[in-house]
């Protein structure tokens, strides 16, 4: 950590730096605002906002395999190997232990 420059990442040298990420997000927001202004001029601003919201939901809630490694368990135990639950999840056995045994 001592020799690390501000704006660089240690984990992956091929990934963009923090400033590149910020620049990319800023450009996307400016593009969205310009397109929004254009659509408002054509009286389709509401439609643009609605479609933008659907696009954001689709892109952020779609395939998580790009950001999550294969060894990381899913929050849903049915997708994990041997249907193993993650720590802190609530299941019937733990509920029974809490109510019957008191811990």
Protein backbone atom coordinates (compact mmCIF):
# COMPACT_ATOMS: atom_id res chain seq x y z
CA UNK A 1 0.00 0.00 0.00
CA UNK A 2 2.93 2.34 0.60
CA UNK A 3 3.98 2.54 -3.06
CA UNK A 4 0.46 2.72 -4.47
CA UNK A 5 -0.51 5.77 -6.49
CA UNK A 6 -3.88 7.43 -6.08
CA UNK A 7 -6.31 6.33 -8.77
CA UNK A 8 -4.73 2.93 -9.47
CA UNK A 9 -5.88 -0.54 -8.57
CA UNK A 10 -3.62 -3.24 -7.19
CA UNK A 11 -5.87 -6.22 -7.88
CA UNK A 12 -6.00 -6.07 -11.69
CA UNK A 13 -3.67 -4.10 -13.91
CA UNK A 14 -5.97 -4.48 -16.95
CA UNK A 15 -8.95 -2.85 -15.27
CA UNK A 16 -9.47 0.90 -15.70
CA UNK A 17 -8.37 3.22 -12.93
CA UNK A 18 -10.72 5.15 -10.67
CA UNK A 19 -10.35 8.32 -12.74
CA UNK A 20 -11.12 6.45 -15.97
CA UNK A 21 -14.24 4.97 -14.35
CA UNK A 22 -15.33 8.40 -13.17
CA UNK A 23 -14.74 9.92 -16.61
CA UNK A 24 -16.72 7.14 -18.27
CA UNK A 25 -19.67 7.61 -15.89
CA UNK A 26 -19.57 11.39 -16.35
CA UNK A 27 -19.66 11.02 -20.14
CA UNK A 28 -22.57 8.58 -19.91
CA UNK A 29 -24.53 10.96 -17.68
CA UNK A 30 -23.86 13.88 -20.04
CA UNK A 31 -24.97 11.78 -23.03
CA UNK A 32 -28.12 10.77 -21.16
CA UNK A 33 -28.90 14.40 -20.30
CA UNK A 34 -28.41 15.48 -23.94
CA UNK A 35 -30.65 12.68 -25.19
CA UNK A 36 -33.21 13.51 -22.51
CA UNK A 37 -33.26 17.14 -23.65
CA UNK A 38 -33.75 16.01 -27.23
CA UNK A 39 -36.61 13.72 -26.28
CA UNK A 40 -38.23 16.49 -24.20
CA UNK A 41 -38.17 18.70 -27.30
CA UNK A 42 -40.08 15.98 -29.18
CA UNK A 43 -42.42 15.58 -26.15
CA UNK A 44 -41.23 12.04 -25.45
CA UNK A 45 -39.31 12.80 -22.24
CA UNK A 46 -41.44 10.51 -20.09
CA UNK A 47 -41.01 7.62 -22.54
CA UNK A 48 -37.24 8.18 -22.55
CA UNK A 49 -37.06 8.15 -18.73
CA UNK A 50 -39.22 5.02 -18.59
CA UNK A 51 -37.13 3.16 -21.17
CA UNK A 52 -33.92 4.33 -19.46
CA UNK A 53 -35.17 2.90 -16.19
CA UNK A 54 -35.95 -0.46 -17.78
CA UNK A 55 -32.54 -0.48 -19.48
CA UNK A 56 -30.78 0.24 -16.15
CA UNK A 57 -32.71 -2.53 -14.41
CA UNK A 58 -31.95 -5.00 -17.18
CA UNK A 59 -28.23 -4.24 -17.34
CA UNK A 60 -27.71 -4.21 -13.57
CA UNK A 61 -29.83 -7.23 -12.68
CA UNK A 62 -28.77 -9.48 -15.53
CA UNK A 63 -25.98 -12.07 -15.53
CA UNK A 64 -23.84 -11.75 -12.42
CA UNK A 65 -21.18 -14.21 -13.61
CA UNK A 66 -19.01 -11.36 -14.93
CA UNK A 67 -18.42 -9.85 -11.50
CA UNK A 68 -18.75 -12.89 -9.21
CA UNK A 69 -16.20 -15.70 -9.15
CA UNK A 70 -17.32 -19.32 -9.43
CA UNK A 71 -16.18 -20.09 -5.88
CA UNK A 72 -18.45 -17.42 -4.37
CA UNK A 73 -21.72 -19.01 -3.24
CA UNK A 74 -25.05 -17.67 -4.42
CA UNK A 75 -27.52 -16.16 -1.95
CA UNK A 76 -30.02 -18.76 -3.14
CA UNK A 77 -28.95 -22.15 -1.81
CA UNK A 78 -30.58 -24.09 -4.66
CA UNK A 79 -27.89 -22.73 -7.03
CA UNK A 80 -24.97 -23.73 -4.79
CA UNK A 81 -23.10 -27.02 -4.89
CA UNK A 82 -24.91 -29.55 -2.68
CA UNK A 83 -27.51 -26.80 -2.03
CA UNK A 84 -25.33 -25.45 0.76
CA UNK A 85 -26.73 -22.29 2.39
CA UNK A 86 -24.55 -19.25 3.06
CA UNK A 87 -23.75 -18.16 6.61
CA UNK A 88 -26.56 -16.22 8.25
CA UNK A 89 -29.33 -17.60 6.06
CA UNK A 90 -32.57 -18.64 7.69
CA UNK A 91 -33.77 -22.21 7.29
CA UNK A 92 -36.09 -24.60 9.10
CA UNK A 93 -33.39 -26.31 11.15
CA UNK A 94 -31.98 -23.07 12.55
CA UNK A 95 -35.47 -21.79 13.36
CA UNK A 96 -36.28 -25.01 15.22
CA UNK A 97 -33.05 -24.74 17.20
CA UNK A 98 -33.81 -21.13 18.14
CA UNK A 99 -37.37 -21.79 19.30
CA UNK A 100 -36.98 -25.20 20.94
CA UNK A 101 -33.53 -24.93 22.47
CA UNK A 102 -33.45 -21.18 22.95
CA UNK A 103 -30.18 -20.39 21.17
